[in-house]
Protein backbone atom coordinates (compact mmCIF):
# COMPACT_ATOMS: atom_id res chain seq x y z
CA MET A 1 -161.13 18.35 42.70
CA PHE A 2 -162.13 15.56 44.99
CA ALA A 3 -159.89 13.86 47.42
CA VAL A 4 -159.37 10.02 46.79
CA LYS A 5 -161.64 8.63 49.27
CA ALA A 6 -164.48 10.73 48.20
CA MET A 7 -164.09 9.41 44.77
CA GLY A 8 -163.99 6.03 45.96
CA GLU A 9 -167.09 6.65 48.06
CA ASP A 10 -168.74 7.75 45.07
CA ALA A 11 -167.96 4.62 42.81
CA LEU A 12 -168.99 2.38 45.69
CA CYS A 13 -172.47 4.44 46.01
CA VAL A 14 -173.04 4.09 42.23
CA LEU A 15 -172.12 0.46 42.25
CA GLY A 16 -174.46 -0.17 45.00
CA GLU A 17 -177.60 1.50 43.17
CA TYR A 18 -176.60 -0.29 40.07
CA LEU A 19 -176.58 -3.63 41.98
CA LYS A 20 -180.09 -2.55 43.26
CA LEU A 21 -181.22 -1.98 39.89
CA TYR A 22 -179.81 -4.98 38.51
CA ALA A 23 -181.53 -7.42 41.04
CA ARG A 24 -185.12 -5.56 40.41
CA LEU A 25 -184.43 -6.28 36.81
CA GLN A 26 -183.59 -9.90 37.40
CA THR A 27 -186.54 -10.37 39.80
CA ASP A 28 -188.95 -8.42 37.07
CA VAL A 29 -187.92 -10.66 34.34
CA GLY A 30 -187.84 -13.79 36.11
CA ALA A 31 -191.53 -13.14 36.95
CA GLU A 32 -192.18 -12.91 33.14
CA VAL A 33 -190.39 -16.05 32.07
CA PRO A 34 -193.51 -18.29 32.49
CA LEU A 35 -195.66 -15.93 30.70
CA VAL A 36 -193.26 -15.93 27.86
CA ARG A 37 -193.05 -19.70 27.76
CA ASP A 38 -196.77 -20.26 27.51
CA ALA A 39 -196.78 -17.62 24.82
CA MET A 40 -194.31 -19.69 23.06
CA ARG A 41 -196.14 -22.68 23.41
CA TRP A 42 -199.27 -21.20 22.16
CA ALA A 43 -197.49 -19.52 19.18
CA VAL A 44 -196.59 -22.94 17.97
CA TRP A 45 -200.40 -23.62 16.94
CA LEU A 46 -200.35 -20.41 14.88
CA LYS A 47 -197.77 -21.81 12.24
């Protein structure tokens, strides 16, 4: 169906896209950490 080289190139392309998405998620989640920490500190007062 595909030449071995083409299959490998497709896999590398998919891996590259995955790594881009993973990096974006790390950035987005990292940006939320301070907000979550503040919410946890504030939530202590709700007990």
